[in-house]
Amino acid sequence: MVGRKQEMEETVPKVNVVQKARVAQGVCRSCKDAIAPGDSYKHASKKTGPRSSFRMVWCANCSPKASELASGHTADLYAVMEGANDDLHAALSVREVIDALIQASEGITGVAEEYTEGADNIEEGFGHSTSQADEMRDKAGELEETADSLERAASELESLADEYQELINELETLNTGDVPDGGVFDRIVEIEERHELLLEEAKSRAEDALNEASF
């Protein structure tokens, strides 16, 4: 019997690399740059039905995201994680790091609910449980555990967020003066350095939590 992981891998479209395009290929799916004749590019086709497919192209400098190659709920999960990583890298405060984890948790919970709903529909249609419905419920349970772990990781960063905000409040107070004296200036520098360390630590812990998430 073919395992679920192997089945998924077999359905992922192959990414082909063309060294020189014979004709224009439109625009890159990622960066939107035009792919002209003679340019190197990548392409893949994802099935949309038994006899239909959707062709995607990328320039030589871009690569497809996992969510673009996957289908169904798997694509949804990859999209959630990609969005969380993008938000995490763009975060400018510990609070924004926490928000990235919470949004990822909520997104995964949403997919888990879709699996549960699918299992309910199957059982309603057949009038009893089936192996497919059981697998979907198991998957929903796994995803809920992953969502809970991300929510816990977010909660564990609250103390860093509190310290971060306290330093911001102190910094605002120190900056009310016209010209800070030497001691005040040194404290401002100290706060700014601590800010950077707190943000780096929060991002590092959040990255670990996202990397540990499994589907």
N, C-alpha and C. Protein backbone atom coordinates (compact mmCIF):
# COMPACT_ATOMS: atom_id res chain seq x y z
N MET A 1 0.85 -1.20 0.00
CA MET A 1 0.00 0.00 0.00
C MET A 1 0.88 1.24 0.00
N VAL A 2 0.59 2.19 -0.84
CA VAL A 2 1.38 3.42 -0.94
C VAL A 2 1.04 4.33 0.23
N GLY A 3 2.06 4.82 0.92
CA GLY A 3 1.86 5.69 2.07
C GLY A 3 1.36 7.05 1.64
N ARG A 4 0.82 7.79 2.63
CA ARG A 4 0.28 9.12 2.35
C ARG A 4 1.37 10.06 1.86
N LYS A 5 2.55 9.99 2.50
CA LYS A 5 3.65 10.88 2.11
C LYS A 5 4.08 10.60 0.68
N GLN A 6 4.18 9.31 0.33
CA GLN A 6 4.61 8.95 -1.02
C GLN A 6 3.58 9.40 -2.04
N GLU A 7 2.29 9.25 -1.69
CA GLU A 7 1.23 9.69 -2.61
C GLU A 7 1.35 11.17 -2.87
N MET A 8 1.62 11.95 -1.81
CA MET A 8 1.72 13.39 -1.96
C MET A 8 2.91 13.75 -2.84
N GLU A 9 4.04 13.06 -2.62
CA GLU A 9 5.22 13.36 -3.40
C GLU A 9 5.01 13.05 -4.87
N GLU A 10 4.22 11.99 -5.17
CA GLU A 10 3.99 11.62 -6.55
C GLU A 10 3.10 12.61 -7.28
N THR A 11 2.27 13.35 -6.52
CA THR A 11 1.36 14.29 -7.16
C THR A 11 1.97 15.68 -7.31
N VAL A 12 3.12 15.92 -6.68
CA VAL A 12 3.77 17.23 -6.81
C VAL A 12 4.34 17.36 -8.22
N PRO A 13 3.96 18.41 -8.94
CA PRO A 13 4.45 18.57 -10.32
C PRO A 13 5.96 18.78 -10.39
N LYS A 14 6.56 18.27 -11.43
CA LYS A 14 7.99 18.42 -11.64
C LYS A 14 8.30 19.83 -12.14
N VAL A 15 9.36 20.41 -11.61
CA VAL A 15 9.81 21.73 -12.05
C VAL A 15 10.89 21.52 -13.11
N ASN A 16 10.63 22.00 -14.30
CA ASN A 16 11.56 21.86 -15.41
C ASN A 16 12.35 23.15 -15.62
N VAL A 17 13.61 23.01 -15.99
CA VAL A 17 14.47 24.17 -16.23
C VAL A 17 14.81 24.24 -17.72
N VAL A 18 14.56 25.39 -18.31
CA VAL A 18 14.87 25.62 -19.72
C VAL A 18 15.97 26.67 -19.79
N GLN A 19 17.07 26.35 -20.45
CA GLN A 19 18.21 27.26 -20.50
C GLN A 19 17.96 28.48 -21.36
N LYS A 20 17.28 28.30 -22.50
CA LYS A 20 17.00 29.42 -23.39
C LYS A 20 15.58 29.31 -23.94
N ALA A 21 14.77 30.29 -23.61
CA ALA A 21 13.39 30.28 -24.10
C ALA A 21 13.37 30.57 -25.60
N ARG A 22 12.62 29.78 -26.34
CA ARG A 22 12.51 30.02 -27.79
C ARG A 22 11.57 31.17 -28.08
N VAL A 23 10.56 31.31 -27.24
CA VAL A 23 9.60 32.42 -27.40
C VAL A 23 9.38 33.04 -26.03
N ALA A 24 8.77 34.19 -26.00
CA ALA A 24 8.47 34.86 -24.74
C ALA A 24 7.56 33.98 -23.89
N GLN A 25 7.79 33.97 -22.56
CA GLN A 25 7.03 33.10 -21.66
C GLN A 25 6.09 33.87 -20.72
N GLY A 26 5.88 35.13 -21.04
CA GLY A 26 5.04 35.93 -20.16
C GLY A 26 5.87 36.49 -19.01
N VAL A 27 5.29 36.56 -17.82
CA VAL A 27 6.00 37.12 -16.67
C VAL A 27 6.22 36.06 -15.61
N CYS A 28 7.28 36.24 -14.83
CA CYS A 28 7.60 35.34 -13.73
C CYS A 28 6.49 35.40 -12.69
N ARG A 29 6.08 34.25 -12.20
CA ARG A 29 5.00 34.18 -11.23
C ARG A 29 5.37 34.87 -9.91
N SER A 30 6.66 34.91 -9.59
CA SER A 30 7.10 35.48 -8.32
C SER A 30 7.41 36.97 -8.41
N CYS A 31 8.38 37.33 -9.27
CA CYS A 31 8.84 38.72 -9.31
C CYS A 31 8.15 39.56 -10.39
N LYS A 32 7.40 38.91 -11.27
CA LYS A 32 6.63 39.57 -12.33
C LYS A 32 7.51 40.14 -13.45
N ASP A 33 8.80 39.81 -13.46
CA ASP A 33 9.65 40.25 -14.56
C ASP A 33 9.31 39.46 -15.83
N ALA A 34 9.42 40.12 -16.96
CA ALA A 34 9.12 39.45 -18.23
C ALA A 34 10.21 38.44 -18.56
N ILE A 35 9.80 37.30 -19.12
CA ILE A 35 10.74 36.27 -19.56
C ILE A 35 10.77 36.32 -21.08
N ALA A 36 11.86 36.86 -21.61
CA ALA A 36 11.98 37.10 -23.05
C ALA A 36 12.66 35.92 -23.74
N PRO A 37 12.55 35.86 -25.07
CA PRO A 37 13.27 34.83 -25.82
C PRO A 37 14.76 34.86 -25.49
N GLY A 38 15.33 33.69 -25.27
CA GLY A 38 16.74 33.60 -24.91
C GLY A 38 17.00 33.54 -23.42
N ASP A 39 16.00 33.92 -22.60
CA ASP A 39 16.16 33.89 -21.15
C ASP A 39 16.01 32.45 -20.63
N SER A 40 16.69 32.18 -19.54
CA SER A 40 16.50 30.91 -18.84
C SER A 40 15.28 31.03 -17.94
N TYR A 41 14.54 29.95 -17.78
CA TYR A 41 13.35 30.00 -16.92
C TYR A 41 13.00 28.60 -16.42
N LYS A 42 12.07 28.56 -15.49
CA LYS A 42 11.56 27.30 -14.94
C LYS A 42 10.07 27.24 -15.20
N HIS A 43 9.55 26.02 -15.34
CA HIS A 43 8.09 25.91 -15.50
C HIS A 43 7.60 24.59 -14.91
N ALA A 44 6.35 24.59 -14.52
CA ALA A 44 5.71 23.40 -13.98
C ALA A 44 4.23 23.49 -14.27
N SER A 45 3.58 22.35 -14.38
CA SER A 45 2.14 22.30 -14.64
C SER A 45 1.46 21.53 -13.53
N LYS A 46 0.47 22.16 -12.91
CA LYS A 46 -0.27 21.52 -11.82
C LYS A 46 -1.65 21.12 -12.33
N LYS A 47 -2.02 19.88 -12.07
CA LYS A 47 -3.31 19.38 -12.54
C LYS A 47 -4.46 20.10 -11.85
N THR A 48 -5.44 20.48 -12.63
CA THR A 48 -6.66 21.09 -12.09
C THR A 48 -7.86 20.20 -12.33
N GLY A 49 -7.65 19.10 -13.03
CA GLY A 49 -8.71 18.16 -13.33
C GLY A 49 -8.14 16.95 -14.06
N PRO A 50 -8.96 15.96 -14.37
CA PRO A 50 -8.47 14.76 -15.07
C PRO A 50 -7.78 15.07 -16.39
N ARG A 51 -8.25 16.09 -17.09
CA ARG A 51 -7.67 16.41 -18.40
C ARG A 51 -7.24 17.87 -18.52
N SER A 52 -7.08 18.53 -17.42
CA SER A 52 -6.68 19.95 -17.46
C SER A 52 -5.55 20.21 -16.48
N SER A 53 -4.78 21.24 -16.78
CA SER A 53 -3.67 21.61 -15.90
C SER A 53 -3.42 23.11 -15.99
N PHE A 54 -2.69 23.61 -15.02
CA PHE A 54 -2.38 25.03 -14.94
C PHE A 54 -0.87 25.19 -15.04
N ARG A 55 -0.38 25.90 -16.04
CA ARG A 55 1.05 26.06 -16.26
C ARG A 55 1.57 27.29 -15.53
N MET A 56 2.69 27.13 -14.83
CA MET A 56 3.30 28.22 -14.08
C MET A 56 4.74 28.40 -14.54
N VAL A 57 5.22 29.64 -14.60
CA VAL A 57 6.60 29.90 -15.03
C VAL A 57 7.28 30.84 -14.03
N TRP A 58 8.59 30.65 -13.89
CA TRP A 58 9.42 31.49 -13.03
C TRP A 58 10.69 31.85 -13.78
N CYS A 59 11.24 33.00 -13.51
CA CYS A 59 12.50 33.39 -14.13
C CYS A 59 13.65 32.61 -13.49
N ALA A 60 14.84 32.78 -14.03
CA ALA A 60 16.00 32.03 -13.53
C ALA A 60 16.34 32.39 -12.08
N ASN A 61 15.98 33.60 -11.65
CA ASN A 61 16.35 34.06 -10.31
C ASN A 61 15.33 33.69 -9.24
N CYS A 62 14.18 33.18 -9.64
CA CYS A 62 13.12 32.84 -8.69
C CYS A 62 12.86 31.33 -8.69
N SER A 63 12.28 30.87 -7.60
CA SER A 63 11.94 29.45 -7.47
C SER A 63 10.51 29.32 -6.96
N PRO A 64 9.83 28.25 -7.32
CA PRO A 64 8.45 28.08 -6.86
C PRO A 64 8.37 27.86 -5.36
N LYS A 65 7.31 28.34 -4.77
CA LYS A 65 7.04 28.08 -3.36
C LYS A 65 6.38 26.71 -3.23
N ALA A 66 6.52 26.12 -2.07
CA ALA A 66 5.91 24.81 -1.84
C ALA A 66 4.40 24.87 -2.03
N SER A 67 3.79 25.98 -1.62
CA SER A 67 2.34 26.11 -1.74
C SER A 67 1.88 26.17 -3.20
N GLU A 68 2.76 26.63 -4.08
CA GLU A 68 2.40 26.73 -5.50
C GLU A 68 2.40 25.35 -6.17
N LEU A 69 3.23 24.45 -5.67
CA LEU A 69 3.33 23.12 -6.27
C LEU A 69 2.36 22.13 -5.64
N ALA A 70 1.99 22.37 -4.40
CA ALA A 70 1.07 21.45 -3.71
C ALA A 70 -0.37 21.74 -4.11
N SER A 71 -1.26 20.87 -3.65
CA SER A 71 -2.69 21.03 -3.96
C SER A 71 -3.52 20.84 -2.70
N GLY A 72 -4.76 21.30 -2.78
CA GLY A 72 -5.71 21.08 -1.69
C GLY A 72 -5.28 21.65 -0.36
N HIS A 73 -5.55 20.89 0.72
CA HIS A 73 -5.22 21.34 2.06
C HIS A 73 -3.72 21.47 2.28
N THR A 74 -2.95 20.62 1.59
CA THR A 74 -1.49 20.71 1.73
C THR A 74 -1.00 22.08 1.25
N ALA A 75 -1.55 22.56 0.15
CA ALA A 75 -1.18 23.88 -0.36
C ALA A 75 -1.58 24.96 0.64
N ASP A 76 -2.74 24.79 1.27
CA ASP A 76 -3.20 25.77 2.26
C ASP A 76 -2.23 25.83 3.44
N LEU A 77 -1.77 24.67 3.90
CA LEU A 77 -0.85 24.62 5.04
C LEU A 77 0.49 25.26 4.70
N TYR A 78 0.99 24.95 3.50
CA TYR A 78 2.25 25.56 3.08
C TYR A 78 2.10 27.08 3.00
N ALA A 79 0.96 27.54 2.50
CA ALA A 79 0.73 28.98 2.38
C ALA A 79 0.71 29.65 3.75
N VAL A 80 0.12 28.97 4.73
CA VAL A 80 0.10 29.50 6.09
C VAL A 80 1.51 29.67 6.62
N MET A 81 2.33 28.64 6.43
CA MET A 81 3.70 28.68 6.95
C MET A 81 4.55 29.71 6.20
N GLU A 82 4.36 29.80 4.90
CA GLU A 82 5.10 30.80 4.12
C GLU A 82 4.75 32.21 4.58
N GLY A 83 3.47 32.43 4.81
CA GLY A 83 3.03 33.74 5.28
C GLY A 83 3.60 34.05 6.66
N ALA A 84 3.64 33.03 7.53
CA ALA A 84 4.18 33.23 8.88
C ALA A 84 5.66 33.58 8.82
N ASN A 85 6.39 32.88 7.97
CA ASN A 85 7.82 33.17 7.85
C ASN A 85 8.07 34.56 7.28
N ASP A 86 7.26 34.96 6.30
CA ASP A 86 7.39 36.30 5.74
C ASP A 86 7.12 37.36 6.81
N ASP A 87 6.04 37.15 7.58
CA ASP A 87 5.69 38.11 8.64
C ASP A 87 6.77 38.15 9.72
N LEU A 88 7.34 36.98 10.01
CA LEU A 88 8.38 36.92 11.04
C LEU A 88 9.62 37.69 10.62
N HIS A 89 10.04 37.51 9.39
CA HIS A 89 11.24 38.20 8.91
C HIS A 89 11.02 39.72 8.83
N ALA A 90 9.77 40.12 8.60
CA ALA A 90 9.47 41.54 8.48
C ALA A 90 9.15 42.19 9.83
N ALA A 91 9.03 41.39 10.88
CA ALA A 91 8.64 41.91 12.20
C ALA A 91 9.64 42.92 12.72
N LEU A 92 9.12 44.03 13.24
CA LEU A 92 9.97 45.09 13.78
C LEU A 92 9.86 45.20 15.29
N SER A 93 9.05 44.33 15.90
CA SER A 93 8.91 44.33 17.35
C SER A 93 8.59 42.91 17.81
N VAL A 94 8.75 42.67 19.11
CA VAL A 94 8.43 41.35 19.66
C VAL A 94 6.94 41.07 19.50
N ARG A 95 6.12 42.10 19.64
CA ARG A 95 4.67 41.91 19.49
C ARG A 95 4.33 41.42 18.09
N GLU A 96 5.00 41.92 17.07
CA GLU A 96 4.75 41.48 15.71
C GLU A 96 5.21 40.03 15.50
N VAL A 97 6.25 39.62 16.22
CA VAL A 97 6.69 38.23 16.17
C VAL A 97 5.59 37.33 16.76
N ILE A 98 5.04 37.74 17.88
CA ILE A 98 3.95 36.99 18.51
C ILE A 98 2.75 36.90 17.57
N ASP A 99 2.42 38.00 16.95
CA ASP A 99 1.28 38.02 16.03
C ASP A 99 1.49 37.04 14.88
N ALA A 100 2.73 36.92 14.39
CA ALA A 100 3.02 35.99 13.29
C ALA A 100 2.73 34.56 13.72
N LEU A 101 3.11 34.20 14.95
CA LEU A 101 2.86 32.85 15.45
C LEU A 101 1.37 32.60 15.66
N ILE A 102 0.68 33.60 16.19
CA ILE A 102 -0.76 33.44 16.43
C ILE A 102 -1.52 33.28 15.11
N GLN A 103 -1.16 34.08 14.12
CA GLN A 103 -1.82 33.96 12.82
C GLN A 103 -1.56 32.60 12.18
N ALA A 104 -0.35 32.08 12.36
CA ALA A 104 -0.05 30.75 11.84
C ALA A 104 -0.89 29.71 12.57
N SER A 105 -1.00 29.85 13.87
CA SER A 105 -1.82 28.92 14.66
C SER A 105 -3.27 28.94 14.20
N GLU A 106 -3.80 30.14 13.99
CA GLU A 106 -5.19 30.27 13.55
C GLU A 106 -5.38 29.69 12.15
N GLY A 107 -4.40 29.91 11.27
CA GLY A 107 -4.50 29.37 9.92
C GLY A 107 -4.50 27.86 9.91
N ILE A 108 -3.65 27.25 10.72
CA ILE A 108 -3.59 25.79 10.80
C ILE A 108 -4.87 25.24 11.42
N THR A 109 -5.39 25.93 12.42
CA THR A 109 -6.66 25.51 13.02
C THR A 109 -7.78 25.52 11.98
N GLY A 110 -7.76 26.53 11.11
CA GLY A 110 -8.77 26.60 10.05
C GLY A 110 -8.71 25.40 9.12
N VAL A 111 -7.50 24.97 8.76
CA VAL A 111 -7.35 23.80 7.90
C VAL A 111 -7.80 22.54 8.64
N ALA A 112 -7.49 22.46 9.93
CA ALA A 112 -7.93 21.32 10.74
C ALA A 112 -9.45 21.22 10.74
N GLU A 113 -10.11 22.35 10.84
CA GLU A 113 -11.58 22.37 10.82
C GLU A 113 -12.11 21.89 9.48
N GLU A 114 -11.41 22.19 8.40
CA GLU A 114 -11.84 21.74 7.08
C GLU A 114 -11.71 20.22 6.97
N TYR A 115 -10.64 19.67 7.55
CA TYR A 115 -10.49 18.21 7.57
C TYR A 115 -11.63 17.56 8.36
N THR A 116 -11.95 18.15 9.50
CA THR A 116 -13.04 17.62 10.32
C THR A 116 -14.37 17.70 9.59
N GLU A 117 -14.61 18.82 8.93
CA GLU A 117 -15.84 18.98 8.16
C GLU A 117 -15.91 17.97 7.03
N GLY A 118 -14.77 17.72 6.38
CA GLY A 118 -14.74 16.72 5.31
C GLY A 118 -15.06 15.34 5.84
N ALA A 119 -14.52 15.00 7.01
CA ALA A 119 -14.81 13.70 7.61
C ALA A 119 -16.29 13.58 7.95
N ASP A 120 -16.87 14.66 8.48
CA ASP A 120 -18.30 14.67 8.81
C ASP A 120 -19.14 14.43 7.55
N ASN A 121 -18.76 15.07 6.46
CA ASN A 121 -19.52 14.92 5.22
C ASN A 121 -19.44 13.49 4.68
N ILE A 122 -18.26 12.89 4.78
CA ILE A 122 -18.11 11.50 4.31
C ILE A 122 -18.97 10.57 5.14
N GLU A 123 -18.92 10.71 6.46
CA GLU A 123 -19.70 9.84 7.33
C GLU A 123 -21.20 10.05 7.15
N GLU A 124 -21.58 11.29 6.88
CA GLU A 124 -22.99 11.58 6.63
C GLU A 124 -23.45 10.94 5.33
N GLY A 125 -22.57 10.97 4.32
CA GLY A 125 -22.93 10.39 3.03
C GLY A 125 -23.04 8.87 3.07
N PHE A 126 -22.10 8.23 3.78
CA PHE A 126 -22.10 6.76 3.86
C PHE A 126 -22.97 6.23 4.99
N GLY A 127 -23.27 7.10 5.94
CA GLY A 127 -24.06 6.65 7.07
C GLY A 127 -23.23 5.96 8.14
N HIS A 128 -21.93 5.94 7.99
CA HIS A 128 -21.03 5.32 8.97
C HIS A 128 -19.61 5.83 8.73
N SER A 129 -18.74 5.51 9.66
CA SER A 129 -17.35 5.94 9.53
C SER A 129 -16.65 5.12 8.44
N THR A 130 -15.66 5.73 7.82
CA THR A 130 -14.86 5.05 6.80
C THR A 130 -13.38 5.27 7.11
N SER A 131 -12.52 4.50 6.46
CA SER A 131 -11.08 4.66 6.69
C SER A 131 -10.61 6.06 6.27
N GLN A 132 -11.21 6.57 5.19
CA GLN A 132 -10.83 7.91 4.74
C GLN A 132 -11.24 8.96 5.76
N ALA A 133 -12.43 8.82 6.31
CA ALA A 133 -12.90 9.76 7.32
C ALA A 133 -12.03 9.68 8.57
N ASP A 134 -11.63 8.47 8.95
CA ASP A 134 -10.77 8.30 10.12
C ASP A 134 -9.41 8.97 9.89
N GLU A 135 -8.87 8.82 8.69
CA GLU A 135 -7.59 9.46 8.38
C GLU A 135 -7.71 10.97 8.44
N MET A 136 -8.83 11.50 7.96
CA MET A 136 -9.03 12.95 7.99
C MET A 136 -9.15 13.45 9.42
N ARG A 137 -9.80 12.69 10.28
CA ARG A 137 -9.91 13.10 11.68
C ARG A 137 -8.55 13.03 12.37
N ASP A 138 -7.77 12.01 12.04
CA ASP A 138 -6.43 11.92 12.60
C ASP A 138 -5.59 13.13 12.16
N LYS A 139 -5.73 13.50 10.89
CA LYS A 139 -4.98 14.65 10.38
C LYS A 139 -5.42 15.92 11.09
N ALA A 140 -6.72 16.06 11.30
CA ALA A 140 -7.23 17.24 12.00
C ALA A 140 -6.65 17.31 13.41
N GLY A 141 -6.57 16.14 14.08
CA GLY A 141 -6.01 16.11 15.43
C GLY A 141 -4.55 16.51 15.45
N GLU A 142 -3.78 16.03 14.47
CA GLU A 142 -2.36 16.39 14.37
C GLU A 142 -2.18 17.90 14.16
N LEU A 143 -3.02 18.45 13.30
CA LEU A 143 -2.92 19.88 13.01
C LEU A 143 -3.31 20.71 14.22
N GLU A 144 -4.30 20.26 14.96
CA GLU A 144 -4.70 21.00 16.17
C GLU A 144 -3.57 21.01 17.19
N GLU A 145 -2.84 19.89 17.28
CA GLU A 145 -1.70 19.85 18.20
C GLU A 145 -0.61 20.82 17.75
N THR A 146 -0.38 20.88 16.44
CA THR A 146 0.60 21.81 15.90
C THR A 146 0.19 23.26 16.18
N ALA A 147 -1.09 23.55 15.97
CA ALA A 147 -1.60 24.90 16.23
C ALA A 147 -1.44 25.26 17.70
N ASP A 148 -1.71 24.29 18.58
CA ASP A 148 -1.57 24.54 20.02
C ASP A 148 -0.12 24.82 20.38
N SER A 149 0.79 24.10 19.75
CA SER A 149 2.22 24.29 20.07
C SER A 149 2.68 25.69 19.65
N LEU A 150 2.17 26.18 18.53
CA LEU A 150 2.52 27.53 18.08
C LEU A 150 1.91 28.59 19.00
N GLU A 151 0.71 28.31 19.48
CA GLU A 151 0.07 29.25 20.40
C GLU A 151 0.84 29.31 21.73
N ARG A 152 1.32 28.14 22.17
CA ARG A 152 2.13 28.11 23.40
C ARG A 152 3.44 28.88 23.20
N ALA A 153 4.05 28.69 22.03
CA ALA A 153 5.29 29.41 21.73
C ALA A 153 5.06 30.91 21.75
N ALA A 154 3.91 31.34 21.24
CA ALA A 154 3.58 32.77 21.26
C ALA A 154 3.42 33.28 22.69
N SER A 155 2.76 32.48 23.53
CA SER A 155 2.54 32.87 24.92
C SER A 155 3.86 32.99 25.68
N GLU A 156 4.81 32.11 25.34
CA GLU A 156 6.10 32.12 26.02
C GLU A 156 6.93 33.36 25.68
N LEU A 157 6.54 34.07 24.65
CA LEU A 157 7.26 35.29 24.26
C LEU A 157 6.67 36.54 24.91
N GLU A 158 5.59 36.37 25.67
CA GLU A 158 4.93 37.53 26.27
C GLU A 158 5.85 38.31 27.21
N SER A 159 6.69 37.59 27.95
CA SER A 159 7.58 38.28 28.89
C SER A 159 8.58 39.16 28.13
N LEU A 160 9.04 38.68 26.97
CA LEU A 160 9.93 39.49 26.15
C LEU A 160 9.20 40.71 25.60
N ALA A 161 7.94 40.51 25.23
CA ALA A 161 7.15 41.63 24.70
C ALA A 161 6.92 42.69 25.77
N ASP A 162 6.70 42.23 27.01
CA ASP A 162 6.48 43.18 28.11
C ASP A 162 7.74 44.01 28.36
N GLU A 163 8.89 43.33 28.38
CA GLU A 163 10.14 44.06 28.59
C GLU A 163 10.40 45.02 27.44
N TYR A 164 10.10 44.57 26.23
CA TYR A 164 10.29 45.40 25.04
C TYR A 164 9.47 46.67 25.15
N GLN A 165 8.19 46.54 25.57
CA GLN A 165 7.31 47.70 25.68
C GLN A 165 7.75 48.62 26.82
N GLU A 166 8.21 48.04 27.92
CA GLU A 166 8.68 48.86 29.04
C GLU A 166 9.87 49.72 28.61
N LEU A 167 10.74 49.14 27.81
CA LEU A 167 11.90 49.89 27.31
C LEU A 167 11.47 51.01 26.36
N ILE A 168 10.44 50.73 25.56
CA ILE A 168 9.92 51.77 24.66
C ILE A 168 9.37 52.94 25.48
N ASN A 169 8.63 52.61 26.54
CA ASN A 169 8.07 53.67 27.40
C ASN A 169 9.19 54.50 28.05
N GLU A 170 10.23 53.81 28.51
CA GLU A 170 11.34 54.52 29.12
C GLU A 170 12.06 55.39 28.09
N LEU A 171 12.21 54.86 26.89
CA LEU A 171 12.89 55.60 25.84
C LEU A 171 12.12 56.87 25.48
N GLU A 172 10.80 56.76 25.43
CA GLU A 172 9.98 57.94 25.13
C GLU A 172 10.15 59.00 26.20
N THR A 173 10.26 58.55 27.46
CA THR A 173 10.45 59.50 28.57
C THR A 173 11.81 60.18 28.47
N LEU A 174 12.83 59.40 28.18
CA LEU A 174 14.19 59.95 28.08
C LEU A 174 14.33 60.92 26.93
N ASN A 175 13.57 60.69 25.86
CA ASN A 175 13.68 61.53 24.67
C ASN A 175 12.88 62.83 24.76
N THR A 176 12.22 63.06 25.89
CA THR A 176 11.43 64.29 26.03
C THR A 176 12.32 65.50 26.26
N GLY A 177 13.54 65.27 26.77
CA GLY A 177 14.46 66.38 27.01
C GLY A 177 15.02 66.94 25.72
N ASP A 178 15.48 68.19 25.78
CA ASP A 178 16.05 68.82 24.58
C ASP A 178 17.37 68.16 24.19
N VAL A 179 18.31 68.17 25.08
CA VAL A 179 19.62 67.57 24.82
C VAL A 179 19.96 66.64 25.97
N PRO A 180 19.98 65.33 25.75
CA PRO A 180 20.24 64.40 26.85
C PRO A 180 21.67 64.54 27.36
N ASP A 181 21.85 64.46 28.70
CA ASP A 181 23.20 64.50 29.25
C ASP A 181 23.89 63.16 28.98
N GLY A 182 25.13 63.04 29.42
CA GLY A 182 25.89 61.84 29.11
C GLY A 182 25.27 60.57 29.63
N GLY A 183 24.78 60.63 30.89
CA GLY A 183 24.17 59.44 31.47
C GLY A 183 22.92 59.01 30.74
N VAL A 184 22.09 59.99 30.37
CA VAL A 184 20.84 59.69 29.65
C VAL A 184 21.16 59.13 28.27
N PHE A 185 22.14 59.73 27.61
CA PHE A 185 22.53 59.25 26.28
C PHE A 185 22.99 57.79 26.34
N ASP A 186 23.80 57.47 27.35
CA ASP A 186 24.29 56.10 27.50
C ASP A 186 23.12 55.14 27.72
N ARG A 187 22.13 55.58 28.47
CA ARG A 187 20.96 54.72 28.74
C ARG A 187 20.16 54.51 27.46
N ILE A 188 20.04 55.54 26.64
CA ILE A 188 19.32 55.42 25.37
C ILE A 188 20.00 54.38 24.48
N VAL A 189 21.31 54.45 24.41
CA VAL A 189 22.07 53.47 23.61
C VAL A 189 21.87 52.07 24.17
N GLU A 190 21.88 51.97 25.49
CA GLU A 190 21.70 50.67 26.14
C GLU A 190 20.32 50.08 25.81
N ILE A 191 19.31 50.94 25.84
CA ILE A 191 17.95 50.49 25.53
C ILE A 191 17.86 50.01 24.08
N GLU A 192 18.43 50.77 23.18
CA GLU A 192 18.38 50.38 21.76
C GLU A 192 19.08 49.05 21.52
N GLU A 193 20.20 48.83 22.19
CA GLU A 193 20.91 47.55 22.05
C GLU A 193 20.08 46.41 22.64
N ARG A 194 19.45 46.67 23.77
CA ARG A 194 18.61 45.63 24.39
C ARG A 194 17.41 45.32 23.50
N HIS A 195 16.85 46.35 22.87
CA HIS A 195 15.75 46.15 21.93
C HIS A 195 16.14 45.15 20.84
N GLU A 196 17.31 45.35 20.26
CA GLU A 196 17.77 44.48 19.19
C GLU A 196 17.94 43.05 19.67
N LEU A 197 18.48 42.88 20.87
CA LEU A 197 18.68 41.54 21.42
C LEU A 197 17.35 40.85 21.69
N LEU A 198 16.41 41.59 22.23
CA LEU A 198 15.08 41.01 22.50
C LEU A 198 14.40 40.56 21.22
N LEU A 199 14.49 41.40 20.20
CA LEU A 199 13.85 41.07 18.92
C LEU A 199 14.53 39.85 18.29
N GLU A 200 15.86 39.80 18.35
CA GLU A 200 16.59 38.66 17.80
C GLU A 200 16.22 37.38 18.52
N GLU A 201 16.12 37.45 19.84
CA GLU A 201 15.76 36.25 20.61
C GLU A 201 14.35 35.79 20.28
N ALA A 202 13.42 36.75 20.19
CA ALA A 202 12.04 36.40 19.87
C ALA A 202 11.94 35.75 18.50
N LYS A 203 12.64 36.32 17.52
CA LYS A 203 12.60 35.75 16.17
C LYS A 203 13.21 34.36 16.14
N SER A 204 14.31 34.18 16.86
CA SER A 204 14.97 32.87 16.89
C SER A 204 14.06 31.81 17.49
N ARG A 205 13.40 32.14 18.58
CA ARG A 205 12.49 31.17 19.23
C ARG A 205 11.27 30.91 18.37
N ALA A 206 10.79 31.93 17.69
CA ALA A 206 9.64 31.75 16.80
C ALA A 206 10.01 30.88 15.60
N GLU A 207 11.20 31.09 15.05
CA GLU A 207 11.66 30.27 13.93
C GLU A 207 11.76 28.81 14.34
N ASP A 208 12.27 28.57 15.54
CA ASP A 208 12.37 27.19 16.03
C ASP A 208 10.97 26.56 16.13
N ALA A 209 10.01 27.34 16.62
CA ALA A 209 8.65 26.81 16.75
C ALA A 209 8.04 26.48 15.39
N LEU A 210 8.26 27.36 14.42
CA LEU A 210 7.73 27.11 13.07
C LEU A 210 8.43 25.92 12.41
N ASN A 211 9.73 25.79 12.63
CA ASN A 211 10.47 24.67 12.06
C ASN A 211 10.05 23.33 12.65
N GLU A 212 9.62 23.36 13.91
CA GLU A 212 9.18 22.13 14.57
C GLU A 212 7.77 21.73 14.16
N ALA A 213 7.04 22.66 13.56
CA ALA A 213 5.67 22.35 13.13
C ALA A 213 5.71 21.30 12.04
N SER A 214 4.90 20.26 12.18
CA SER A 214 4.89 19.17 11.20
C SER A 214 3.47 18.92 10.73
N PHE A 215 3.39 18.47 9.49
CA PHE A 215 2.08 18.16 8.90
C PHE A 215 2.03 16.71 8.46
